[in-house]
Each structure stands twice: as structure tokens, then as C-alpha cells.
Protein backbone atom coordinates (compact mmCIF):
# COMPACT_ATOMS: atom_id res chain seq x y z
CA MET A 1 -117.40 -2.81 43.78
CA ASN A 2 -119.59 -1.22 46.47
CA GLY A 3 -119.94 1.87 44.31
CA ILE A 4 -121.18 -0.12 41.34
CA LEU A 5 -123.64 -2.11 43.44
CA SER A 6 -124.93 0.87 45.43
CA GLY A 7 -127.61 1.62 42.83
CA TYR A 8 -128.48 -1.96 41.89
CA ASP A 9 -129.66 -5.15 43.55
CA ALA A 10 -127.25 -7.29 41.53
CA ILE A 11 -125.11 -7.41 38.42
CA LEU A 12 -125.60 -10.04 35.70
CA LEU A 13 -122.47 -11.09 33.83
CA PRO A 14 -121.46 -13.99 31.62
CA THR A 15 -119.83 -16.79 33.55
CA VAL A 16 -117.38 -17.70 30.80
CA PRO A 17 -116.53 -16.23 27.38
CA SER A 18 -117.80 -19.31 25.52
CA THR A 19 -120.16 -22.22 25.88
CA ALA A 20 -119.26 -25.25 27.98
CA PHE A 21 -116.49 -27.52 26.73
CA LYS A 22 -117.15 -31.05 25.70
CA ILE A 23 -115.71 -33.54 28.21
CA GLY A 24 -111.94 -33.73 27.76
CA GLU A 25 -111.88 -31.10 25.01
CA LYS A 26 -109.43 -28.67 26.68
CA MET A 27 -107.32 -31.15 28.64
CA GLU A 28 -104.27 -30.40 26.50
CA ASP A 29 -104.73 -26.62 26.69
CA PRO A 30 -104.48 -25.43 30.31
CA ILE A 31 -104.34 -21.78 29.22
CA ALA A 32 -107.77 -22.07 27.57
CA MET A 33 -109.12 -23.71 30.71
CA TYR A 34 -107.68 -20.91 32.85
CA LEU A 35 -109.07 -18.18 30.59
CA ALA A 36 -112.53 -19.77 30.72
CA ASP A 37 -112.66 -18.82 34.42
CA ILE A 38 -111.47 -15.26 33.94
CA TYR A 39 -114.91 -13.64 34.44
CA THR A 40 -115.38 -15.30 37.82
CA VAL A 41 -112.24 -13.68 39.27
CA LEU A 42 -113.97 -10.34 39.97
CA ALA A 43 -116.17 -11.75 42.74
CA ASN A 44 -113.22 -13.54 44.31
CA LEU A 45 -111.00 -10.45 44.33
CA THR A 46 -113.66 -8.13 45.73
CA GLY A 47 -115.14 -10.62 48.20
CA VAL A 48 -118.73 -10.22 47.07
CA PRO A 49 -121.14 -13.16 46.83
CA ALA A 50 -121.71 -14.57 43.37
CA ILE A 51 -123.43 -17.56 41.81
CA SER A 52 -123.33 -19.07 38.36
CA ILE A 53 -126.52 -20.58 36.99
CA PRO A 54 -127.31 -22.31 33.69
CA LEU A 55 -129.15 -20.09 31.25
CA GLN A 56 -129.85 -21.90 28.00
CA ARG A 57 -128.25 -23.95 25.27
CA HIS A 58 -126.30 -22.44 22.43
CA SER A 59 -126.99 -23.40 18.81
CA ASN A 60 -124.00 -25.77 19.09
CA GLY A 61 -125.96 -27.74 21.72
CA MET A 62 -123.68 -26.84 24.61
CA PRO A 63 -124.99 -24.98 27.68
CA TYR A 64 -123.94 -21.54 28.79
CA GLY A 65 -124.69 -19.64 31.95
CA ILE A 66 -124.71 -16.32 33.69
CA GLN A 67 -123.22 -15.22 36.95
CA ILE A 68 -125.02 -13.00 39.40
CA ILE A 69 -123.03 -10.78 41.74
CA ALA A 70 -124.64 -9.15 44.80
CA LYS A 71 -123.62 -6.79 47.56
CA HIS A 72 -121.48 -7.85 50.50
CA PHE A 73 -123.45 -10.00 52.96
CA ASP A 74 -126.50 -10.16 50.66
CA GLU A 75 -126.39 -13.89 49.94
CA GLY A 76 -130.08 -14.37 50.70
CA HIS A 77 -131.10 -11.87 48.06
CA LEU A 78 -128.60 -13.38 45.62
CA LEU A 79 -130.21 -16.80 46.05
CA GLN A 80 -133.68 -15.31 45.56
CA ILE A 81 -132.62 -13.71 42.28
CA ALA A 82 -131.04 -16.97 41.09
CA ASN A 83 -134.14 -18.93 42.03
CA ASN A 84 -136.40 -16.46 40.17
CA LEU A 85 -134.26 -16.69 37.04
CA LEU A 86 -134.35 -20.50 37.14
CA GLN A 87 -138.18 -20.57 37.28
């Protein structure tokens, strides 16, 4: 991960492969709920700081977001980027 981030301040990725679920929609499908978190595993496995922020609403009315991943020990810069994107 350090090699990828060496030339960049941060990486922007989707947080999940779809829009948000409606409340209770996936309660009977734990596999779908697990797979919705699959993109967030990278930061956990590599130990880099990451944050997920809301981006916009899809045409179906449900929100979706992006995740920002930064270099090790660069949480301050990560929060600045997130704050700038939320403005």
C-alpha cells in the first residue's frame, strides 16, 4: 500500500458496490450485507487510515458514498481532504 500511496496524497474508492440499503432490506441475506463491506477491508488489512463520507444520492433516492484512504499516520491530512469534499 505504501508503494501506491507514495505518489499520491490519498486514494478515492467507492465505499460499497451499491447504494445504501433501505432499513431492514438485507436482514435475511447476511452474505449480501457482508459483501457490501468488501471494499472497506483493504484499509483494515493494510493498517492505513480511511474514512467514508456521503457523496450524493442515486436516482433511486438512496445515498452512496466514497472512501478516502491516506498514508500511514496521515490522519490529519485525511480529515482535511474529507472536510474539503464535504464543503
